[in-house]
């Protein structure tokens, strides 16, 4: 059978390299940043969701901005925010006089400390001074 005949069998595709980024149309909306939220399917108006978003934004800013963070660092920031929101909820119950499970609280706190130690607790300043080349390009315009 000739390779250009309409009945020729299709050639198998080579396997896709998982390390090569996909085109934007083949990625998740959250990856593209077009989902409009970091917690899809959740009521974004709840106090917990707002606090979570605030913590993610603050932690990303402490790391020099979300645009300077790797995906792994962004995932750690999200885990930090989720753990912090849970810890704050437990602390609120405790402050209201409700009993909490101390073992669960201790485990949560220990996990939070480990995540924070991976992220680092020092703020990283965002470089807002343009490079010499960027400055000269702006002046030339």
N, C-alpha and C. Protein backbone atom coordinates (compact mmCIF):
# COMPACT_ATOMS: atom_id res chain seq x y z
N UNK A 1 0.84 -1.17 0.00
CA UNK A 1 0.00 0.00 0.00
C UNK A 1 0.89 1.24 0.00
N UNK A 2 0.54 2.21 -0.82
CA UNK A 2 1.31 3.44 -0.91
C UNK A 2 1.08 4.29 0.34
N UNK A 3 2.12 4.97 0.86
CA UNK A 3 1.94 5.75 2.08
C UNK A 3 0.98 6.92 1.91
N UNK A 4 0.78 7.40 0.64
CA UNK A 4 -0.11 8.53 0.47
C UNK A 4 -1.53 8.10 0.07
N UNK A 5 -1.80 6.82 0.05
CA UNK A 5 -3.15 6.37 -0.29
C UNK A 5 -4.08 6.61 0.91
N UNK A 6 -5.37 6.84 0.61
CA UNK A 6 -6.31 7.15 1.70
C UNK A 6 -6.55 5.98 2.66
N UNK A 7 -6.17 4.78 2.28
CA UNK A 7 -6.40 3.64 3.15
C UNK A 7 -5.15 3.24 3.92
N UNK A 8 -4.09 4.02 3.83
CA UNK A 8 -2.85 3.70 4.54
C UNK A 8 -3.09 3.84 6.04
N UNK A 9 -2.53 2.94 6.82
CA UNK A 9 -2.72 3.04 8.27
C UNK A 9 -2.01 4.29 8.82
N UNK A 10 -2.61 4.89 9.83
CA UNK A 10 -2.02 6.09 10.44
C UNK A 10 -0.76 5.70 11.20
N UNK A 11 0.23 6.57 11.10
CA UNK A 11 1.46 6.32 11.83
C UNK A 11 1.24 6.62 13.31
N UNK A 12 1.76 5.79 14.18
CA UNK A 12 1.59 6.07 15.61
C UNK A 12 2.36 7.33 16.00
N UNK A 13 1.78 8.09 16.90
CA UNK A 13 2.44 9.30 17.38
C UNK A 13 3.56 8.93 18.34
N UNK A 14 4.63 9.69 18.31
CA UNK A 14 5.68 9.42 19.31
C UNK A 14 5.16 9.84 20.69
N UNK A 15 5.65 9.21 21.73
CA UNK A 15 5.16 9.57 23.07
C UNK A 15 5.53 11.03 23.39
N UNK A 16 4.63 11.72 24.10
CA UNK A 16 4.84 13.11 24.46
C UNK A 16 5.80 13.20 25.63
N UNK A 17 6.76 14.10 25.53
CA UNK A 17 7.71 14.32 26.62
C UNK A 17 6.99 15.07 27.74
N UNK A 18 6.88 14.48 28.94
CA UNK A 18 6.14 15.14 30.01
C UNK A 18 6.82 16.40 30.54
N UNK A 19 8.09 16.60 30.21
CA UNK A 19 8.81 17.78 30.70
C UNK A 19 8.66 18.98 29.79
N UNK A 20 8.11 18.78 28.60
CA UNK A 20 7.91 19.89 27.68
C UNK A 20 6.55 20.50 27.98
N UNK A 21 6.50 21.83 28.22
CA UNK A 21 5.22 22.46 28.54
C UNK A 21 4.21 22.29 27.40
N UNK A 22 2.96 22.11 27.77
CA UNK A 22 1.89 21.98 26.79
C UNK A 22 1.50 23.36 26.28
N UNK A 23 0.87 23.38 25.14
CA UNK A 23 0.33 24.64 24.63
C UNK A 23 -0.81 25.06 25.54
N UNK A 24 -1.11 26.37 25.64
CA UNK A 24 -2.13 26.82 26.59
C UNK A 24 -3.49 26.15 26.43
N UNK A 25 -3.86 25.75 25.24
CA UNK A 25 -5.18 25.13 25.06
C UNK A 25 -5.22 23.71 25.59
N UNK A 26 -4.07 23.12 25.91
CA UNK A 26 -4.03 21.75 26.40
C UNK A 26 -3.75 21.69 27.90
N UNK A 27 -3.78 22.85 28.57
CA UNK A 27 -3.51 22.88 30.01
C UNK A 27 -4.80 23.18 30.76
N UNK A 28 -4.75 22.94 32.06
CA UNK A 28 -5.90 23.23 32.92
C UNK A 28 -6.10 24.73 33.03
N UNK A 29 -7.34 25.16 33.24
CA UNK A 29 -7.63 26.59 33.38
C UNK A 29 -6.88 27.19 34.55
N UNK A 30 -6.72 26.44 35.63
CA UNK A 30 -5.99 26.96 36.78
C UNK A 30 -4.53 27.20 36.43
N UNK A 31 -3.93 26.32 35.62
CA UNK A 31 -2.55 26.49 35.20
C UNK A 31 -2.40 27.74 34.35
N UNK A 32 -3.36 27.96 33.48
CA UNK A 32 -3.31 29.14 32.61
C UNK A 32 -3.64 30.42 33.37
N UNK A 33 -4.22 30.30 34.53
CA UNK A 33 -4.62 31.48 35.28
C UNK A 33 -5.92 32.07 34.78
N UNK A 34 -6.67 31.31 33.97
CA UNK A 34 -7.92 31.83 33.42
C UNK A 34 -9.13 31.34 34.19
N UNK A 35 -8.91 30.53 35.19
CA UNK A 35 -10.04 30.03 35.97
C UNK A 35 -10.64 31.10 36.86
N UNK A 36 -9.89 32.20 37.09
CA UNK A 36 -10.38 33.29 37.89
C UNK A 36 -10.33 33.03 39.38
N UNK A 37 -9.86 31.87 39.78
CA UNK A 37 -9.83 31.53 41.20
C UNK A 37 -8.78 30.47 41.45
N UNK A 38 -8.28 30.45 42.68
CA UNK A 38 -7.35 29.39 43.04
C UNK A 38 -8.06 28.23 43.72
N UNK A 39 -9.34 28.41 44.00
CA UNK A 39 -10.15 27.34 44.58
C UNK A 39 -11.42 27.17 43.76
N UNK A 40 -11.33 26.51 42.61
CA UNK A 40 -12.52 26.36 41.78
C UNK A 40 -13.58 25.51 42.47
N UNK A 41 -14.84 25.89 42.26
CA UNK A 41 -15.94 25.14 42.83
C UNK A 41 -16.26 25.49 44.27
N UNK A 42 -15.58 26.49 44.82
CA UNK A 42 -15.78 26.90 46.22
C UNK A 42 -16.39 28.29 46.22
N UNK A 43 -17.30 28.55 47.15
CA UNK A 43 -17.87 29.88 47.30
C UNK A 43 -16.77 30.83 47.77
N UNK A 44 -16.33 31.69 46.87
CA UNK A 44 -15.21 32.58 47.14
C UNK A 44 -15.55 33.69 48.14
N UNK A 45 -16.83 33.81 48.50
CA UNK A 45 -17.25 34.87 49.41
C UNK A 45 -17.14 34.46 50.87
N UNK A 46 -16.92 33.19 51.14
CA UNK A 46 -16.85 32.74 52.54
C UNK A 46 -15.62 33.33 53.21
N UNK A 47 -15.69 33.48 54.52
CA UNK A 47 -14.57 34.04 55.28
C UNK A 47 -13.33 33.15 55.14
N UNK A 48 -13.53 31.84 55.12
CA UNK A 48 -12.40 30.92 55.00
C UNK A 48 -11.73 31.06 53.65
N UNK A 49 -12.50 31.14 52.58
CA UNK A 49 -11.92 31.29 51.24
C UNK A 49 -11.19 32.62 51.10
N UNK A 50 -11.78 33.68 51.65
CA UNK A 50 -11.11 34.99 51.59
C UNK A 50 -9.81 34.98 52.37
N UNK A 51 -9.81 34.37 53.55
CA UNK A 51 -8.59 34.30 54.36
C UNK A 51 -7.54 33.47 53.63
N UNK A 52 -7.95 32.37 53.03
CA UNK A 52 -7.03 31.51 52.27
C UNK A 52 -6.37 32.32 51.15
N UNK A 53 -7.19 33.04 50.38
CA UNK A 53 -6.64 33.85 49.28
C UNK A 53 -5.69 34.92 49.81
N UNK A 54 -6.05 35.55 50.93
CA UNK A 54 -5.18 36.57 51.52
C UNK A 54 -3.84 35.99 51.94
N UNK A 55 -3.88 34.80 52.54
CA UNK A 55 -2.63 34.15 52.97
C UNK A 55 -1.77 33.76 51.77
N UNK A 56 -2.39 33.24 50.72
CA UNK A 56 -1.64 32.88 49.51
C UNK A 56 -0.98 34.12 48.93
N UNK A 57 -1.72 35.21 48.84
CA UNK A 57 -1.17 36.45 48.27
C UNK A 57 -0.05 36.99 49.13
N UNK A 58 -0.23 36.98 50.45
CA UNK A 58 0.80 37.52 51.35
C UNK A 58 2.07 36.66 51.31
N UNK A 59 1.90 35.35 51.32
CA UNK A 59 3.07 34.46 51.28
C UNK A 59 3.80 34.57 49.95
N UNK A 60 3.06 34.69 48.85
CA UNK A 60 3.69 34.86 47.54
C UNK A 60 4.45 36.18 47.49
N UNK A 61 3.87 37.24 48.06
CA UNK A 61 4.57 38.53 48.10
C UNK A 61 5.84 38.43 48.94
N UNK A 62 5.78 37.67 50.04
CA UNK A 62 6.98 37.48 50.86
C UNK A 62 8.08 36.73 50.12
N UNK A 63 7.69 35.96 49.13
CA UNK A 63 8.67 35.19 48.34
C UNK A 63 9.15 35.97 47.12
N UNK A 64 8.81 37.25 47.03
CA UNK A 64 9.25 38.07 45.92
C UNK A 64 8.22 38.22 44.83
N UNK A 65 7.03 37.69 45.03
CA UNK A 65 5.96 37.78 44.04
C UNK A 65 5.71 36.44 43.39
N UNK A 66 4.45 36.20 43.04
CA UNK A 66 4.08 34.92 42.44
C UNK A 66 4.81 34.69 41.12
N UNK A 67 5.11 35.78 40.39
CA UNK A 67 5.78 35.62 39.10
C UNK A 67 7.23 35.14 39.26
N UNK A 68 7.79 35.24 40.45
CA UNK A 68 9.16 34.79 40.69
C UNK A 68 9.21 33.44 41.38
N UNK A 69 8.06 32.82 41.63
CA UNK A 69 8.01 31.54 42.33
C UNK A 69 7.86 30.40 41.33
N UNK A 70 8.55 29.32 41.62
CA UNK A 70 8.38 28.11 40.81
C UNK A 70 7.02 27.51 41.15
N UNK A 71 6.59 26.57 40.33
CA UNK A 71 5.31 25.91 40.59
C UNK A 71 5.37 25.15 41.91
N UNK A 72 6.51 24.54 42.21
CA UNK A 72 6.64 23.81 43.47
C UNK A 72 6.51 24.77 44.66
N UNK A 73 7.10 25.94 44.56
CA UNK A 73 6.99 26.93 45.63
C UNK A 73 5.55 27.43 45.76
N UNK A 74 4.88 27.64 44.63
CA UNK A 74 3.48 28.05 44.68
C UNK A 74 2.62 26.97 45.35
N UNK A 75 2.90 25.71 45.08
CA UNK A 75 2.17 24.63 45.72
C UNK A 75 2.42 24.63 47.23
N UNK A 76 3.67 24.87 47.64
CA UNK A 76 3.97 24.96 49.08
C UNK A 76 3.25 26.14 49.72
N UNK A 77 3.16 27.24 49.00
CA UNK A 77 2.44 28.41 49.51
C UNK A 77 0.96 28.07 49.71
N UNK A 78 0.38 27.35 48.77
CA UNK A 78 -1.02 26.95 48.92
C UNK A 78 -1.22 26.00 50.10
N UNK A 79 -0.29 25.06 50.28
CA UNK A 79 -0.39 24.15 51.42
C UNK A 79 -0.24 24.92 52.72
N UNK A 80 0.68 25.88 52.75
CA UNK A 80 0.85 26.71 53.94
C UNK A 80 -0.46 27.42 54.27
N UNK A 81 -1.08 28.03 53.26
CA UNK A 81 -2.32 28.78 53.49
C UNK A 81 -3.42 27.86 54.00
N UNK A 82 -3.54 26.68 53.43
CA UNK A 82 -4.58 25.74 53.86
C UNK A 82 -4.36 25.31 55.31
N UNK A 83 -3.12 25.00 55.65
CA UNK A 83 -2.83 24.60 57.03
C UNK A 83 -3.05 25.75 58.01
N UNK A 84 -2.65 26.96 57.61
CA UNK A 84 -2.82 28.12 58.48
C UNK A 84 -4.29 28.41 58.73
N UNK A 85 -5.12 28.29 57.70
CA UNK A 85 -6.56 28.52 57.87
C UNK A 85 -7.15 27.48 58.83
N UNK A 86 -6.72 26.23 58.69
CA UNK A 86 -7.21 25.18 59.61
C UNK A 86 -6.77 25.45 61.03
N UNK A 87 -5.51 25.86 61.21
CA UNK A 87 -5.01 26.16 62.55
C UNK A 87 -5.76 27.33 63.17
N UNK A 88 -6.02 28.36 62.37
CA UNK A 88 -6.77 29.52 62.87
C UNK A 88 -8.20 29.13 63.28
N UNK A 89 -8.81 28.23 62.53
CA UNK A 89 -10.16 27.78 62.87
C UNK A 89 -10.15 27.01 64.20
N UNK A 90 -9.14 26.18 64.38
CA UNK A 90 -9.04 25.45 65.65
C UNK A 90 -8.78 26.41 66.80
N UNK A 91 -7.94 27.40 66.59
CA UNK A 91 -7.65 28.38 67.64
C UNK A 91 -8.89 29.21 67.98
N UNK A 92 -9.72 29.51 66.98
CA UNK A 92 -10.95 30.24 67.24
C UNK A 92 -11.90 29.41 68.09
N UNK A 93 -12.00 28.10 67.80
CA UNK A 93 -12.84 27.23 68.62
C UNK A 93 -12.32 27.18 70.05
N UNK A 94 -11.01 27.10 70.20
CA UNK A 94 -10.41 27.06 71.53
C UNK A 94 -10.70 28.37 72.28
N UNK A 95 -10.56 29.50 71.61
CA UNK A 95 -10.81 30.80 72.24
C UNK A 95 -12.28 30.95 72.63
N UNK A 96 -13.18 30.30 71.92
CA UNK A 96 -14.60 30.34 72.25
C UNK A 96 -14.96 29.39 73.38
N UNK A 97 -13.98 28.66 73.86
CA UNK A 97 -14.23 27.73 74.96
C UNK A 97 -14.63 26.34 74.51
N UNK A 98 -14.63 26.09 73.22
CA UNK A 98 -14.97 24.76 72.72
C UNK A 98 -13.74 23.85 72.83
N UNK A 99 -13.97 22.58 73.08
CA UNK A 99 -12.83 21.66 73.15
C UNK A 99 -12.26 21.39 71.75
N UNK A 100 -10.96 21.23 71.69
CA UNK A 100 -10.31 20.82 70.43
C UNK A 100 -9.45 19.61 70.72
N UNK A 101 -9.14 18.86 69.70
CA UNK A 101 -8.27 17.70 69.84
C UNK A 101 -6.83 18.21 69.81
N UNK A 102 -6.17 18.15 70.95
CA UNK A 102 -4.81 18.68 71.08
C UNK A 102 -3.84 17.91 70.19
N UNK A 103 -4.03 16.62 70.03
CA UNK A 103 -3.15 15.83 69.16
C UNK A 103 -3.27 16.30 67.71
N UNK A 104 -4.51 16.53 67.26
CA UNK A 104 -4.71 17.04 65.90
C UNK A 104 -4.09 18.42 65.74
N UNK A 105 -4.27 19.27 66.76
CA UNK A 105 -3.71 20.62 66.70
C UNK A 105 -2.18 20.57 66.66
N UNK A 106 -1.59 19.69 67.48
CA UNK A 106 -0.13 19.57 67.50
C UNK A 106 0.39 19.05 66.17
N UNK A 107 -0.30 18.08 65.60
CA UNK A 107 0.11 17.55 64.29
C UNK A 107 0.01 18.62 63.21
N UNK A 108 -1.08 19.36 63.24
CA UNK A 108 -1.28 20.44 62.28
C UNK A 108 -0.19 21.50 62.42
N UNK A 109 0.11 21.88 63.65
CA UNK A 109 1.14 22.89 63.89
C UNK A 109 2.51 22.39 63.44
N UNK A 110 2.81 21.14 63.72
CA UNK A 110 4.10 20.56 63.31
C UNK A 110 4.21 20.53 61.79
N UNK A 111 3.14 20.15 61.12
CA UNK A 111 3.15 20.13 59.66
C UNK A 111 3.31 21.54 59.10
N UNK A 112 2.63 22.49 59.72
CA UNK A 112 2.75 23.89 59.30
C UNK A 112 4.18 24.38 59.45
N UNK A 113 4.83 24.04 60.54
CA UNK A 113 6.22 24.43 60.76
C UNK A 113 7.13 23.83 59.69
N UNK A 114 6.89 22.58 59.33
CA UNK A 114 7.71 21.95 58.29
C UNK A 114 7.52 22.63 56.94
N UNK A 115 6.29 22.97 56.60
CA UNK A 115 6.04 23.65 55.32
C UNK A 115 6.70 25.03 55.32
N UNK A 116 6.56 25.75 56.42
CA UNK A 116 7.17 27.08 56.51
C UNK A 116 8.69 26.98 56.44
N UNK A 117 9.26 25.96 57.03
CA UNK A 117 10.72 25.82 56.96
C UNK A 117 11.19 25.55 55.54
N UNK A 118 10.37 24.88 54.74
CA UNK A 118 10.69 24.68 53.32
C UNK A 118 10.58 25.97 52.54
N UNK A 119 9.58 26.77 52.87
CA UNK A 119 9.38 28.05 52.18
C UNK A 119 10.42 29.07 52.61
N UNK A 120 10.76 29.07 53.87
CA UNK A 120 11.63 30.09 54.43
C UNK A 120 10.77 31.19 55.00
N UNK A 121 11.19 31.73 56.13
CA UNK A 121 10.39 32.76 56.77
C UNK A 121 10.91 34.16 56.50
N UNK A 122 11.97 34.26 55.75
CA UNK A 122 12.51 35.58 55.43
C UNK A 122 11.83 36.13 54.20
N UNK A 123 11.53 37.41 54.23
CA UNK A 123 10.92 38.06 53.06
C UNK A 123 11.99 38.26 52.00
N UNK A 124 11.65 38.02 50.76
CA UNK A 124 12.54 38.26 49.64
C UNK A 124 12.06 39.51 48.91
N UNK A 125 12.87 40.54 48.87
CA UNK A 125 12.41 41.76 48.20
C UNK A 125 12.29 41.56 46.70
N UNK A 126 11.30 42.19 46.13
CA UNK A 126 11.10 42.14 44.69
C UNK A 126 11.96 43.24 44.08
N UNK A 127 12.72 42.89 43.08
CA UNK A 127 13.60 43.86 42.43
C UNK A 127 12.77 44.77 41.53
N UNK A 128 12.68 46.04 41.90
CA UNK A 128 11.90 46.98 41.10
C UNK A 128 12.80 47.93 40.32
N UNK A 129 14.11 47.81 40.52
CA UNK A 129 15.05 48.64 39.79
C UNK A 129 15.32 47.98 38.45
N UNK A 130 15.13 48.70 37.35
CA UNK A 130 15.38 48.08 36.05
C UNK A 130 16.87 47.86 35.82
N UNK A 131 17.17 46.90 34.97
CA UNK A 131 18.57 46.68 34.60
C UNK A 131 19.02 47.85 33.74
N UNK A 132 20.31 47.95 33.53
CA UNK A 132 20.85 49.05 32.72
C UNK A 132 20.27 49.01 31.31
N UNK A 133 20.16 47.82 30.73
CA UNK A 133 19.62 47.70 29.38
C UNK A 133 18.16 48.13 29.34
N UNK A 134 17.37 47.74 30.34
CA UNK A 134 15.96 48.14 30.38
C UNK A 134 15.83 49.66 30.54
N UNK A 135 16.70 50.24 31.38
CA UNK A 135 16.66 51.68 31.59
C UNK A 135 17.01 52.42 30.30
N UNK A 136 18.04 51.97 29.62
CA UNK A 136 18.45 52.63 28.37
C UNK A 136 17.38 52.48 27.30
N UNK A 137 16.69 51.33 27.27
CA UNK A 137 15.60 51.16 26.31
C UNK A 137 14.47 52.13 26.60
N UNK A 138 14.13 52.34 27.87
CA UNK A 138 13.08 53.29 28.25
C UNK A 138 13.46 54.70 27.91
N UNK A 139 14.71 55.07 28.15
CA UNK A 139 15.17 56.42 27.86
C UNK A 139 15.16 56.68 26.36
N UNK A 140 15.48 55.64 25.57
CA UNK A 140 15.53 55.79 24.11
C UNK A 140 14.15 55.98 23.50
N UNK A 141 13.10 55.58 24.20
CA UNK A 141 11.74 55.69 23.64
C UNK A 141 11.22 57.08 23.63
